[in-house]
Amino acid sequence: MSNFSKYIKAVSAPAGTCDRNVYSTGQDVSYATGDDVNIGDDFWLVNGLNHFGHSFRFCGIDGGYTDGVNYYDVNGVATTKALAFPDGLICDLGYVDCNNDFTMYQDSAILSVNQIWTSAITYCNSFTLGSFTSGWRMPTRNEMSRMFYQKNSYCFAHKPWESVSTVSLFWTSTTFPFAGSSTRVWRFNQYQEMDFIFKTGASGRPFPVRTTNISEL
């Protein structure tokens, strides 16, 4: 399907709908009737126009975006990643809630060395990037999983991250209540797999994110 025809499909839906791209993982080969592909959504698009007047999901703070192949400015003119995503800030406008809040990511999967969970969450809480000097935190399990593109083997191989690491483990802020205990937490490995692991005695990378709002852009 061409980018143009996908765009027409996306903007035909009502604008302003909450949670506008909650299903697609990017899988595009069907292995059984009713599997992932049959949902029909597009990983790169939102259903309706976003804040910037186009329908692309991953946007920079000025409205630049990627269609998964190239980078464009807010007007659809081809550009570089640095210009489309200033300061490496990534807005996921596929998950805008009814208050216009959404998750802002940063574009590096390997900001810091592996460390225990308590150190990693401190790293995330004190993170700063560009003009966003506060509000950063460790992502939840859901925030980590919904950015993963199933056509890739590795977590961050696709645009706008492009930071493949074959040795990384990534902490989340979501505790797994194992046998009534709070000592374990969900963690992702480089292959998009999850485990629940002890907060101490194991290691992973911090991956700072923050909640932002359309009004901040």
C-alpha atoms as a PDB file:
ATOM      1  CA  MET A   1       0.000   0.000   0.000  1.00  0.00           C
ATOM      2  CA  SER A   2       1.427   3.411  -0.917  1.00  0.00           C
ATOM      3  CA  ASN A   3       2.046   6.085   1.697  1.00  0.00           C
ATOM      4  CA  PHE A   4      -0.585   8.227  -0.025  1.00  0.00           C
ATOM      5  CA  SER A   5      -3.301   5.577   0.143  1.00  0.00           C
ATOM      6  CA  LYS A   6      -2.425   4.857   3.780  1.00  0.00           C
ATOM      7  CA  TYR A   7      -2.760   8.566   4.509  1.00  0.00           C
ATOM      8  CA  ILE A   8      -6.248   8.678   2.973  1.00  0.00           C
ATOM      9  CA  LYS A   9      -7.254   5.671   5.077  1.00  0.00           C
ATOM     10  CA  ALA A  10      -5.988   7.329   8.239  1.00  0.00           C
ATOM     11  CA  VAL A  11      -7.560  10.763   7.857  1.00  0.00           C
ATOM     12  CA  SER A  12     -10.944   9.317   6.914  1.00  0.00           C
ATOM     13  CA  ALA A  13     -11.457   8.423  10.574  1.00  0.00           C
ATOM     14  CA  PRO A  14     -12.715  11.077  13.029  1.00  0.00           C
ATOM     15  CA  ALA A  15      -9.960  13.304  14.361  1.00  0.00           C
ATOM     16  CA  GLY A  16      -9.518  13.771  18.082  1.00  0.00           C
ATOM     17  CA  THR A  17     -10.209  10.159  19.001  1.00  0.00           C
ATOM     18  CA  CYS A  18      -8.428   9.000  22.157  1.00  0.00           C
ATOM     19  CA  ASP A  19      -5.881   6.174  21.812  1.00  0.00           C
ATOM     20  CA  ARG A  20      -5.623   6.449  18.071  1.00  0.00           C
ATOM     21  CA  ASN A  21      -3.190   3.625  17.281  1.00  0.00           C
ATOM     22  CA  VAL A  22      -3.390   1.003  19.996  1.00  0.00           C
ATOM     23  CA  TYR A  23      -3.253  -2.244  18.035  1.00  0.00           C
ATOM     24  CA  SER A  24      -0.638  -2.387  15.304  1.00  0.00           C
ATOM     25  CA  THR A  25       2.730  -4.019  15.958  1.00  0.00           C
ATOM     26  CA  GLY A  26       3.973  -3.671  12.389  1.00  0.00           C
ATOM     27  CA  GLN A  27       3.667  -7.365  11.533  1.00  0.00           C
ATOM     28  CA  ASP A  28       2.774  -7.545   7.834  1.00  0.00           C
ATOM     29  CA  VAL A  29       2.808 -11.281   7.089  1.00  0.00           C
ATOM     30  CA  SER A  30      -0.163 -13.405   8.127  1.00  0.00           C
ATOM     31  CA  TYR A  31       0.498 -16.903   9.410  1.00  0.00           C
ATOM     32  CA  ALA A  32      -3.087 -17.829  10.332  1.00  0.00           C
ATOM     33  CA  THR A  33      -6.573 -16.428   9.884  1.00  0.00           C
ATOM     34  CA  GLY A  34      -7.275 -13.874  12.598  1.00  0.00           C
ATOM     35  CA  ASP A  35      -3.653 -13.295  13.629  1.00  0.00           C
ATOM     36  CA  ASP A  36      -1.854  -9.985  14.170  1.00  0.00           C
ATOM     37  CA  VAL A  37      -1.951  -8.794  10.539  1.00  0.00           C
ATOM     38  CA  ASN A  38      -5.730  -8.993  10.337  1.00  0.00           C
ATOM     39  CA  ILE A  39      -6.213  -6.055  12.689  1.00  0.00           C
ATOM     40  CA  GLY A  40      -5.532  -3.793   9.718  1.00  0.00           C
ATOM     41  CA  ASP A  41      -4.037  -0.755  11.444  1.00  0.00           C
ATOM     42  CA  ASP A  42      -0.756   0.808  10.344  1.00  0.00           C
ATOM     43  CA  PHE A  43       2.156   0.996  12.791  1.00  0.00           C
ATOM     44  CA  TRP A  44       3.297   4.363  11.398  1.00  0.00           C
ATOM     45  CA  LEU A  45      -0.050   6.170  11.252  1.00  0.00           C
ATOM     46  CA  VAL A  46      -2.728   7.476  13.584  1.00  0.00           C
ATOM     47  CA  ASN A  47      -6.421   7.312  12.820  1.00  0.00           C
ATOM     48  CA  GLY A  48      -7.176  10.940  12.026  1.00  0.00           C
ATOM     49  CA  LEU A  49      -5.054  14.076  11.934  1.00  0.00           C
ATOM     50  CA  ASN A  50      -2.675  14.713  14.796  1.00  0.00           C
ATOM     51  CA  HIS A  51      -1.745  18.013  16.439  1.00  0.00           C
ATOM     52  CA  PHE A  52       0.523  18.912  13.517  1.00  0.00           C
ATOM     53  CA  GLY A  53      -2.095  18.384  10.826  1.00  0.00           C
ATOM     54  CA  HIS A  54      -0.763  15.129   9.389  1.00  0.00           C
ATOM     55  CA  SER A  55      -1.376  11.494  10.274  1.00  0.00           C
ATOM     56  CA  PHE A  56       2.068  10.156  11.185  1.00  0.00           C
ATOM     57  CA  ARG A  57       2.621   8.631  14.575  1.00  0.00           C
ATOM     58  CA  PHE A  58       6.234   9.306  15.598  1.00  0.00           C
ATOM     59  CA  CYS A  59       6.870  13.053  15.504  1.00  0.00           C
ATOM     60  CA  GLY A  60       9.484  15.539  16.607  1.00  0.00           C
ATOM     61  CA  ILE A  61       8.541  18.557  18.725  1.00  0.00           C
ATOM     62  CA  ASP A  62       8.194  20.697  15.566  1.00  0.00           C
ATOM     63  CA  GLY A  63       6.035  18.165  13.727  1.00  0.00           C
ATOM     64  CA  GLY A  64       8.716  16.427  11.682  1.00  0.00           C
ATOM     65  CA  TYR A  65       8.108  12.707  11.340  1.00  0.00           C
ATOM     66  CA  THR A  66       9.158   9.380   9.894  1.00  0.00           C
ATOM     67  CA  ASP A  67       7.114   6.982   7.788  1.00  0.00           C
ATOM     68  CA  GLY A  68       9.490   4.170   8.765  1.00  0.00           C
ATOM     69  CA  VAL A  69      11.580   4.623   5.620  1.00  0.00           C
ATOM     70  CA  ASN A  70      12.562   8.304   5.474  1.00  0.00           C
ATOM     71  CA  TYR A  71      12.415  11.504   7.510  1.00  0.00           C
ATOM     72  CA  TYR A  72      10.279  14.562   6.719  1.00  0.00           C
ATOM     73  CA  ASP A  73       9.606  17.997   8.150  1.00  0.00           C
ATOM     74  CA  VAL A  74       6.109  19.002   9.213  1.00  0.00           C
ATOM     75  CA  ASN A  75       5.260  19.989   5.615  1.00  0.00           C
ATOM     76  CA  GLY A  76       6.260  16.623   4.181  1.00  0.00           C
ATOM     77  CA  VAL A  77       9.603  17.763   2.743  1.00  0.00           C
ATOM     78  CA  ALA A  78      12.365  15.153   2.984  1.00  0.00           C
ATOM     79  CA  THR A  79      14.952  16.026   5.611  1.00  0.00           C
ATOM     80  CA  THR A  80      17.399  14.486   8.091  1.00  0.00           C
ATOM     81  CA  LYS A  81      16.646  12.764  11.353  1.00  0.00           C
ATOM     82  CA  ALA A  82      18.298  15.585  13.299  1.00  0.00           C
ATOM     83  CA  LEU A  83      15.978  18.166  11.741  1.00  0.00           C
ATOM     84  CA  ALA A  84      12.848  16.015  11.931  1.00  0.00           C
ATOM     85  CA  PHE A  85      13.491  15.130  15.581  1.00  0.00           C
ATOM     86  CA  PRO A  86      15.301  18.053  17.281  1.00  0.00           C
ATOM     87  CA  ASP A  87      17.302  17.050  20.353  1.00  0.00           C
ATOM     88  CA  GLY A  88      16.372  13.421  19.674  1.00  0.00           C
ATOM     89  CA  LEU A  89      12.924  13.894  21.245  1.00  0.00           C
ATOM     90  CA  ILE A  90      10.246  11.495  19.982  1.00  0.00           C
ATOM     91  CA  CYS A  91       6.523  12.074  20.509  1.00  0.00           C
ATOM     92  CA  ASP A  92       4.318   8.998  20.179  1.00  0.00           C
ATOM     93  CA  LEU A  93       1.090  10.547  18.912  1.00  0.00           C
ATOM     94  CA  GLY A  94      -0.467   7.138  18.406  1.00  0.00           C
ATOM     95  CA  TYR A  95      -1.257   7.012  22.114  1.00  0.00           C
ATOM     96  CA  VAL A  96      -2.667  10.449  22.920  1.00  0.00           C
ATOM     97  CA  ASP A  97      -5.209  10.248  25.740  1.00  0.00           C
ATOM     98  CA  CYS A  98      -8.354  12.330  26.157  1.00  0.00           C
ATOM     99  CA  ASN A  99      -6.376  15.021  28.021  1.00  0.00           C
ATOM    100  CA  ASN A 100      -3.904  15.272  25.114  1.00  0.00           C
ATOM    101  CA  ASP A 101      -1.187  13.605  27.188  1.00  0.00           C
ATOM    102  CA  PHE A 102       1.254  11.199  25.537  1.00  0.00           C
ATOM    103  CA  THR A 103       4.663   9.644  26.053  1.00  0.00           C
ATOM    104  CA  MET A 104       7.795  11.418  24.898  1.00  0.00           C
ATOM    105  CA  TYR A 105      10.780   9.152  24.262  1.00  0.00           C
ATOM    106  CA  GLN A 106      14.432   9.894  23.654  1.00  0.00           C
ATOM    107  CA  ASP A 107      16.172   8.279  20.712  1.00  0.00           C
ATOM    108  CA  SER A 108      19.070   6.371  22.261  1.00  0.00           C
ATOM    109  CA  ALA A 109      18.770   2.857  23.629  1.00  0.00           C
ATOM    110  CA  ILE A 110      22.309   2.872  25.006  1.00  0.00           C
ATOM    111  CA  LEU A 111      22.568   6.062  27.060  1.00  0.00           C
ATOM    112  CA  SER A 112      24.159   4.381  30.031  1.00  0.00           C
ATOM    113  CA  VAL A 113      25.839   1.195  31.160  1.00  0.00           C
ATOM    114  CA  ASN A 114      23.932  -1.745  32.588  1.00  0.00           C
ATOM    115  CA  GLN A 115      23.090  -1.266  36.261  1.00  0.00           C
ATOM    116  CA  ILE A 116      20.771  -2.512  38.973  1.00  0.00           C
ATOM    117  CA  TRP A 117      17.152  -1.341  38.935  1.00  0.00           C
ATOM    118  CA  THR A 118      17.408   1.140  41.811  1.00  0.00           C
ATOM    119  CA  SER A 119      20.326   2.909  40.141  1.00  0.00           C
ATOM    120  CA  ALA A 120      18.595   2.869  36.754  1.00  0.00           C
ATOM    121  CA  ILE A 121      15.396   4.449  38.076  1.00  0.00           C
ATOM    122  CA  THR A 122      17.452   7.198  39.743  1.00  0.00           C
ATOM    123  CA  TYR A 123      19.211   7.799  36.424  1.00  0.00           C
ATOM    124  CA  CYS A 124      15.875   8.158  34.645  1.00  0.00           C
ATOM    125  CA  ASN A 125      14.401  10.473  37.269  1.00  0.00           C
ATOM    126  CA  SER A 126      17.315  12.879  36.962  1.00  0.00           C
ATOM    127  CA  PHE A 127      17.572  12.778  33.168  1.00  0.00           C
ATOM    128  CA  THR A 128      17.391  15.966  31.087  1.00  0.00           C
ATOM    129  CA  LEU A 129      17.238  16.552  27.337  1.00  0.00           C
ATOM    130  CA  GLY A 130      16.816  19.732  25.315  1.00  0.00           C
ATOM    131  CA  SER A 131      14.340  22.126  26.901  1.00  0.00           C
ATOM    132  CA  PHE A 132      12.717  19.287  28.854  1.00  0.00           C
ATOM    133  CA  THR A 133      14.723  19.422  32.050  1.00  0.00           C
ATOM    134  CA  SER A 134      12.327  17.653  34.398  1.00  0.00           C
ATOM    135  CA  GLY A 135       9.615  15.042  34.472  1.00  0.00           C
ATOM    136  CA  TRP A 136      11.689  12.182  33.082  1.00  0.00           C
ATOM    137  CA  ARG A 137      11.174   8.718  34.534  1.00  0.00           C
ATOM    138  CA  MET A 138      11.581   5.017  33.846  1.00  0.00           C
ATOM    139  CA  PRO A 139       8.994   3.695  31.344  1.00  0.00           C
ATOM    140  CA  THR A 140       6.235   1.285  32.234  1.00  0.00           C
ATOM    141  CA  ARG A 141       6.080  -2.149  30.671  1.00  0.00           C
ATOM    142  CA  ASN A 142       3.364  -0.950  28.288  1.00  0.00           C
ATOM    143  CA  GLU A 143       5.323   2.122  27.193  1.00  0.00           C
ATOM    144  CA  MET A 144       8.300  -0.043  26.297  1.00  0.00           C
ATOM    145  CA  SER A 145       6.361  -2.726  24.455  1.00  0.00           C
ATOM    146  CA  ARG A 146       4.279  -0.472  22.203  1.00  0.00           C
ATOM    147  CA  MET A 147       7.277   1.103  20.489  1.00  0.00           C
ATOM    148  CA  PHE A 148       8.669  -2.250  19.349  1.00  0.00           C
ATOM    149  CA  TYR A 149       8.288  -2.935  15.639  1.00  0.00           C
ATOM    150  CA  GLN A 150       7.631  -6.632  15.035  1.00  0.00           C
ATOM    151  CA  LYS A 151       9.277  -6.674  11.599  1.00  0.00           C
ATOM    152  CA  ASN A 152      12.633  -6.198  13.339  1.00  0.00           C
ATOM    153  CA  SER A 153      14.490  -8.747  15.414  1.00  0.00           C
ATOM    154  CA  TYR A 154      15.810  -6.130  17.821  1.00  0.00           C
ATOM    155  CA  CYS A 155      13.992  -3.643  20.017  1.00  0.00           C
ATOM    156  CA  PHE A 156      15.214  -0.365  18.565  1.00  0.00           C
ATOM    157  CA  ALA A 157      16.278  -1.217  15.024  1.00  0.00           C
ATOM    158  CA  HIS A 158      13.623   0.944  13.338  1.00  0.00           C
ATOM    159  CA  LYS A 159      13.294   4.667  12.834  1.00  0.00           C
ATOM    160  CA  PRO A 160      13.373   7.003  14.638  1.00  0.00           C
ATOM    161  CA  TRP A 161      15.658   5.128  17.082  1.00  0.00           C
ATOM    162  CA  GLU A 162      18.086   3.252  14.800  1.00  0.00           C
ATOM    163  CA  SER A 163      20.192   2.234  17.778  1.00  0.00           C
ATOM    164  CA  VAL A 164      20.461  -1.520  17.512  1.00  0.00           C
ATOM    165  CA  SER A 165      22.141  -3.183  20.434  1.00  0.00           C
ATOM    166  CA  THR A 166      22.545  -6.942  20.527  1.00  0.00           C
ATOM    167  CA  VAL A 167      23.639  -6.974  24.176  1.00  0.00           C
ATOM    168  CA  SER A 168      21.079  -4.781  25.921  1.00  0.00           C
ATOM    169  CA  LEU A 169      18.526  -5.435  28.618  1.00  0.00           C
ATOM    170  CA  PHE A 170      16.039  -2.672  29.423  1.00  0.00           C
ATOM    171  CA  TRP A 171      14.420  -2.024  32.786  1.00  0.00           C
ATOM    172  CA  THR A 172      10.803  -0.972  33.213  1.00  0.00           C
ATOM    173  CA  SER A 173       9.164   0.676  36.214  1.00  0.00           C
ATOM    174  CA  THR A 174       6.521  -2.068  36.454  1.00  0.00           C
ATOM    175  CA  THR A 175       6.948  -4.372  39.437  1.00  0.00           C
ATOM    176  CA  PHE A 176       5.911  -7.993  39.025  1.00  0.00           C
ATOM    177  CA  PRO A 177       4.079  -9.173  42.183  1.00  0.00           C
ATOM    178  CA  PHE A 178       5.786 -12.534  42.329  1.00  0.00           C
ATOM    179  CA  ALA A 179       4.320 -14.662  45.136  1.00  0.00           C
ATOM    180  CA  GLY A 180       3.164 -11.531  46.928  1.00  0.00           C
ATOM    181  CA  SER A 181       6.640 -10.011  46.855  1.00  0.00           C
ATOM    182  CA  SER A 182       7.726  -6.680  45.328  1.00  0.00           C
ATOM    183  CA  THR A 183      11.307  -7.767  44.670  1.00  0.00           C
ATOM    184  CA  ARG A 184      10.945  -8.459  40.946  1.00  0.00           C
ATOM    185  CA  VAL A 185      10.313  -6.161  38.000  1.00  0.00           C
ATOM    186  CA  TRP A 186       9.573  -6.549  34.281  1.00  0.00           C
ATOM    187  CA  ARG A 187      12.586  -6.262  31.985  1.00  0.00           C
ATOM    188  CA  PHE A 188      12.943  -6.458  28.186  1.00  0.00           C
ATOM    189  CA  ASN A 189      15.859  -7.974  26.347  1.00  0.00           C
ATOM    190  CA  GLN A 190      17.191  -6.938  22.944  1.00  0.00           C
ATOM    191  CA  TYR A 191      14.915  -9.443  21.184  1.00  0.00           C
ATOM    192  CA  GLN A 192      11.695  -7.815  22.466  1.00  0.00           C
ATOM    193  CA  GLU A 193      11.224 -10.567  25.041  1.00  0.00           C
ATOM    194  CA  MET A 194      10.128  -9.936  28.613  1.00  0.00           C
ATOM    195  CA  ASP A 195      11.160 -11.513  31.871  1.00  0.00           C
ATOM    196  CA  PHE A 196      10.583 -10.618  35.492  1.00  0.00           C
ATOM    197  CA  ILE A 197      13.810 -10.354  37.384  1.00  0.00           C
ATOM    198  CA  PHE A 198      15.112  -9.328  40.797  1.00  0.00           C
ATOM    199  CA  LYS A 199      15.581  -5.588  41.216  1.00  0.00           C
ATOM    200  CA  THR A 200      18.905  -6.233  42.911  1.00  0.00           C
ATOM    201  CA  GLY A 201      21.459  -8.724  41.706  1.00  0.00           C
ATOM    202  CA  ALA A 202      20.475  -8.279  38.042  1.00  0.00           C
ATOM    203  CA  SER A 203      21.276  -5.510  35.587  1.00  0.00           C
ATOM    204  CA  GLY A 204      19.726  -3.627  32.689  1.00  0.00           C
ATOM    205  CA  ARG A 205      19.863  -0.309  30.908  1.00  0.00           C
ATOM    206  CA  PRO A 206      17.832   2.747  31.889  1.00  0.00           C
ATOM    207  CA  PHE A 207      15.642   4.191  29.136  1.00  0.00           C
ATOM    208  CA  PRO A 208      14.203   7.585  30.207  1.00  0.00           C
ATOM    209  CA  VAL A 209      10.761   8.691  29.005  1.00  0.00           C
ATOM    210  CA  ARG A 210       8.356  11.377  30.167  1.00  0.00           C
ATOM    211  CA  THR A 211       4.674  12.214  29.968  1.00  0.00           C
ATOM    212  CA  THR A 212       4.057  15.403  28.031  1.00  0.00           C
ATOM    213  CA  ASN A 213       1.105  17.272  26.556  1.00  0.00           C
ATOM    214  CA  ILE A 214       0.271  18.952  23.262  1.00  0.00           C
ATOM    215  CA  SER A 215       0.387  22.273  25.128  1.00  0.00           C
ATOM    216  CA  GLU A 216       4.133  21.806  25.808  1.00  0.00           C
ATOM    217  CA  LEU A 217       5.049  21.616  22.123  1.00  0.00           C
END
